[in-house]
Amino acid sequence: MEKKGEITLAMIGVGIIISALVIGAINLSEERSSRNLKYIGDKETKLVYDPTKCDVSHISNDNMVFFDSLKEAEEKGFNKYSC
């Protein structure tokens, strides 16, 4: 009987660890995706947009560039576009 209890406790412990890893991975991926959406640049026009304020549906996936800051975009020759 004691062996069954130990195995059950071990299985619960493993389940908790796996759940924590999955939750951590989800949070990390959300952080990366939100970070990548700070500014989107259009290679063709050399304009950079704030996707929270501007519609960026006109930019094709091939021409999209992602920036963490406006300064980074300006250093690469992009100009801010206000909508």
N, C-alpha and C. Protein backbone atom coordinates (compact mmCIF):
# COMPACT_ATOMS: atom_id res chain seq x y z
N MET A 1 0.82 -1.19 0.00
CA MET A 1 0.00 0.00 0.00
C MET A 1 0.86 1.26 0.00
N GLU A 2 1.95 1.25 0.78
CA GLU A 2 2.77 2.45 0.85
C GLU A 2 3.42 2.76 -0.51
N LYS A 3 3.76 1.75 -1.26
CA LYS A 3 4.36 1.96 -2.58
C LYS A 3 3.40 2.69 -3.51
N LYS A 4 2.13 2.32 -3.46
CA LYS A 4 1.14 2.97 -4.30
C LYS A 4 1.04 4.47 -3.97
N GLY A 5 1.06 4.79 -2.70
CA GLY A 5 0.98 6.18 -2.25
C GLY A 5 2.19 6.97 -2.70
N GLU A 6 3.37 6.36 -2.62
CA GLU A 6 4.60 7.03 -3.05
C GLU A 6 4.59 7.28 -4.56
N ILE A 7 4.13 6.30 -5.31
CA ILE A 7 4.06 6.45 -6.77
C ILE A 7 3.07 7.55 -7.15
N THR A 8 1.94 7.59 -6.47
CA THR A 8 0.94 8.63 -6.74
C THR A 8 1.50 10.01 -6.44
N LEU A 9 2.17 10.15 -5.31
CA LEU A 9 2.78 11.44 -4.96
C LEU A 9 3.84 11.84 -5.98
N ALA A 10 4.64 10.88 -6.42
CA ALA A 10 5.67 11.16 -7.42
C ALA A 10 5.03 11.62 -8.73
N MET A 11 3.94 10.98 -9.12
CA MET A 11 3.25 11.36 -10.36
C MET A 11 2.67 12.76 -10.24
N ILE A 12 2.12 13.11 -9.09
CA ILE A 12 1.58 14.45 -8.88
C ILE A 12 2.71 15.48 -8.96
N GLY A 13 3.85 15.16 -8.35
CA GLY A 13 5.01 16.06 -8.39
C GLY A 13 5.49 16.30 -9.82
N VAL A 14 5.58 15.24 -10.60
CA VAL A 14 5.99 15.36 -11.99
C VAL A 14 4.98 16.20 -12.77
N GLY A 15 3.71 16.00 -12.51
CA GLY A 15 2.67 16.79 -13.19
C GLY A 15 2.79 18.27 -12.88
N ILE A 16 3.07 18.59 -11.63
CA ILE A 16 3.23 19.99 -11.24
C ILE A 16 4.44 20.61 -11.94
N ILE A 17 5.53 19.89 -12.00
CA ILE A 17 6.74 20.39 -12.66
C ILE A 17 6.49 20.62 -14.15
N ILE A 18 5.83 19.69 -14.80
CA ILE A 18 5.53 19.84 -16.23
C ILE A 18 4.60 21.02 -16.45
N SER A 19 3.60 21.19 -15.59
CA SER A 19 2.69 22.33 -15.71
C SER A 19 3.44 23.65 -15.58
N ALA A 20 4.35 23.73 -14.63
CA ALA A 20 5.14 24.95 -14.43
C ALA A 20 5.99 25.25 -15.65
N LEU A 21 6.58 24.24 -16.26
CA LEU A 21 7.39 24.44 -17.46
C LEU A 21 6.54 24.93 -18.62
N VAL A 22 5.36 24.37 -18.79
CA VAL A 22 4.47 24.78 -19.88
C VAL A 22 4.02 26.23 -19.68
N ILE A 23 3.64 26.58 -18.45
CA ILE A 23 3.22 27.95 -18.17
C ILE A 23 4.37 28.92 -18.41
N GLY A 24 5.58 28.56 -18.01
CA GLY A 24 6.75 29.41 -18.24
C GLY A 24 7.02 29.59 -19.72
N ALA A 25 6.88 28.54 -20.50
CA ALA A 25 7.11 28.64 -21.95
C ALA A 25 6.06 29.53 -22.61
N ILE A 26 4.81 29.43 -22.18
CA ILE A 26 3.75 30.28 -22.74
C ILE A 26 4.02 31.74 -22.42
N ASN A 27 4.40 32.04 -21.18
CA ASN A 27 4.69 33.42 -20.80
C ASN A 27 5.87 33.97 -21.59
N LEU A 28 6.89 33.17 -21.81
CA LEU A 28 8.05 33.61 -22.57
C LEU A 28 7.68 33.90 -24.02
N SER A 29 6.86 33.05 -24.62
CA SER A 29 6.47 33.27 -26.01
C SER A 29 5.59 34.51 -26.14
N GLU A 30 4.72 34.77 -25.16
CA GLU A 30 3.89 35.97 -25.18
C GLU A 30 4.76 37.21 -25.07
N GLU A 31 5.78 37.14 -24.22
CA GLU A 31 6.68 38.29 -24.04
C GLU A 31 7.42 38.57 -25.34
N ARG A 32 7.89 37.53 -26.01
CA ARG A 32 8.60 37.72 -27.28
C ARG A 32 7.69 38.29 -28.34
N SER A 33 6.48 37.77 -28.44
CA SER A 33 5.59 38.27 -29.49
C SER A 33 5.18 39.70 -29.23
N SER A 34 4.95 40.08 -27.99
CA SER A 34 4.57 41.46 -27.72
C SER A 34 5.76 42.38 -27.93
N ARG A 35 6.96 41.89 -27.63
CA ARG A 35 8.16 42.71 -27.84
C ARG A 35 8.37 42.94 -29.33
N ASN A 36 8.14 41.94 -30.15
CA ASN A 36 8.36 42.08 -31.58
C ASN A 36 7.36 43.01 -32.24
N LEU A 37 6.24 43.27 -31.59
CA LEU A 37 5.22 44.12 -32.20
C LEU A 37 5.31 45.57 -31.77
N LYS A 38 6.44 46.00 -31.18
CA LYS A 38 6.56 47.39 -30.78
C LYS A 38 6.54 48.31 -32.00
N TYR A 39 7.35 48.00 -33.00
CA TYR A 39 7.38 48.81 -34.22
C TYR A 39 7.58 47.89 -35.42
N ILE A 40 6.84 48.17 -36.48
CA ILE A 40 6.96 47.38 -37.71
C ILE A 40 7.39 48.31 -38.82
N GLY A 41 8.46 47.94 -39.52
CA GLY A 41 8.97 48.75 -40.61
C GLY A 41 8.61 48.15 -41.96
N ASP A 42 8.49 49.01 -42.95
CA ASP A 42 8.23 48.60 -44.33
C ASP A 42 9.51 48.82 -45.12
N LYS A 43 10.15 47.72 -45.56
CA LYS A 43 11.42 47.82 -46.28
C LYS A 43 11.29 48.65 -47.55
N GLU A 44 10.14 48.56 -48.19
CA GLU A 44 9.92 49.23 -49.48
C GLU A 44 9.88 50.75 -49.33
N THR A 45 9.12 51.24 -48.35
CA THR A 45 8.95 52.69 -48.18
C THR A 45 9.89 53.28 -47.14
N LYS A 46 10.57 52.41 -46.37
CA LYS A 46 11.46 52.84 -45.29
C LYS A 46 10.72 53.63 -44.22
N LEU A 47 9.45 53.27 -43.99
CA LEU A 47 8.67 53.89 -42.93
C LEU A 47 8.46 52.87 -41.82
N VAL A 48 8.40 53.37 -40.59
CA VAL A 48 8.16 52.49 -39.44
C VAL A 48 6.86 52.91 -38.77
N TYR A 49 6.06 51.90 -38.39
CA TYR A 49 4.72 52.11 -37.85
C TYR A 49 4.62 51.55 -36.44
N ASP A 50 3.78 52.17 -35.63
CA ASP A 50 3.42 51.63 -34.33
C ASP A 50 2.13 50.82 -34.55
N PRO A 51 2.19 49.49 -34.48
CA PRO A 51 1.02 48.67 -34.81
C PRO A 51 -0.16 48.85 -33.86
N THR A 52 0.07 49.43 -32.68
CA THR A 52 -1.04 49.67 -31.77
C THR A 52 -1.87 50.87 -32.21
N LYS A 53 -1.29 51.74 -33.06
CA LYS A 53 -1.99 52.95 -33.51
C LYS A 53 -2.25 52.96 -35.01
N CYS A 54 -1.44 52.26 -35.77
CA CYS A 54 -1.54 52.31 -37.23
C CYS A 54 -2.01 50.97 -37.81
N ASP A 55 -2.65 51.03 -38.94
CA ASP A 55 -3.02 49.82 -39.68
C ASP A 55 -1.82 49.41 -40.53
N VAL A 56 -1.32 48.22 -40.32
CA VAL A 56 -0.15 47.76 -41.05
C VAL A 56 -0.50 46.65 -42.04
N SER A 57 -1.79 46.51 -42.36
CA SER A 57 -2.21 45.42 -43.24
C SER A 57 -1.71 45.61 -44.67
N HIS A 58 -1.32 46.83 -45.03
CA HIS A 58 -0.84 47.07 -46.39
C HIS A 58 0.60 46.61 -46.60
N ILE A 59 1.31 46.29 -45.52
CA ILE A 59 2.70 45.85 -45.64
C ILE A 59 2.71 44.34 -45.87
N SER A 60 3.37 43.91 -46.93
CA SER A 60 3.45 42.47 -47.19
C SER A 60 4.43 41.83 -46.21
N ASN A 61 4.25 40.56 -45.96
CA ASN A 61 5.12 39.85 -45.02
C ASN A 61 6.58 39.90 -45.45
N ASP A 62 6.83 39.91 -46.75
CA ASP A 62 8.21 39.96 -47.25
C ASP A 62 8.88 41.29 -46.94
N ASN A 63 8.09 42.36 -46.82
CA ASN A 63 8.66 43.68 -46.58
C ASN A 63 8.66 44.10 -45.11
N MET A 64 8.15 43.26 -44.22
CA MET A 64 8.08 43.62 -42.79
C MET A 64 9.41 43.43 -42.10
N VAL A 65 9.73 44.43 -41.25
CA VAL A 65 10.90 44.37 -40.39
C VAL A 65 10.43 44.77 -38.99
N PHE A 66 10.92 44.10 -37.97
CA PHE A 66 10.49 44.39 -36.60
C PHE A 66 11.59 45.10 -35.83
N PHE A 67 11.20 46.13 -35.07
CA PHE A 67 12.14 46.89 -34.26
C PHE A 67 11.65 46.98 -32.83
N ASP A 68 12.59 47.02 -31.88
CA ASP A 68 12.25 47.18 -30.48
C ASP A 68 12.05 48.64 -30.10
N SER A 69 12.70 49.55 -30.84
CA SER A 69 12.59 50.97 -30.51
C SER A 69 12.67 51.81 -31.78
N LEU A 70 12.20 53.05 -31.66
CA LEU A 70 12.30 53.98 -32.79
C LEU A 70 13.75 54.30 -33.09
N LYS A 71 14.55 54.38 -32.05
CA LYS A 71 15.98 54.69 -32.24
C LYS A 71 16.65 53.62 -33.12
N GLU A 72 16.34 52.38 -32.84
CA GLU A 72 16.89 51.28 -33.64
C GLU A 72 16.44 51.41 -35.10
N ALA A 73 15.17 51.76 -35.31
CA ALA A 73 14.64 51.93 -36.67
C ALA A 73 15.34 53.08 -37.38
N GLU A 74 15.52 54.20 -36.67
CA GLU A 74 16.19 55.36 -37.27
C GLU A 74 17.63 55.05 -37.64
N GLU A 75 18.30 54.27 -36.80
CA GLU A 75 19.69 53.89 -37.09
C GLU A 75 19.79 53.06 -38.37
N LYS A 76 18.73 52.36 -38.70
CA LYS A 76 18.72 51.53 -39.91
C LYS A 76 18.10 52.26 -41.10
N GLY A 77 17.85 53.57 -40.96
CA GLY A 77 17.38 54.37 -42.07
C GLY A 77 15.87 54.46 -42.25
N PHE A 78 15.12 54.11 -41.22
CA PHE A 78 13.66 54.18 -41.30
C PHE A 78 13.16 55.47 -40.67
N ASN A 79 12.07 56.00 -41.18
CA ASN A 79 11.45 57.21 -40.64
C ASN A 79 10.10 56.85 -40.02
N LYS A 80 9.78 57.51 -38.90
CA LYS A 80 8.51 57.24 -38.21
C LYS A 80 7.36 57.81 -39.03
N TYR A 81 6.31 57.02 -39.14
CA TYR A 81 5.11 57.46 -39.84
C TYR A 81 4.00 57.63 -38.81
N SER A 82 3.41 58.82 -38.76
CA SER A 82 2.31 59.03 -37.81
C SER A 82 0.99 58.86 -38.56
N CYS A 83 0.09 58.11 -37.97
CA CYS A 83 -1.19 57.85 -38.63
C CYS A 83 -2.27 58.74 -38.06
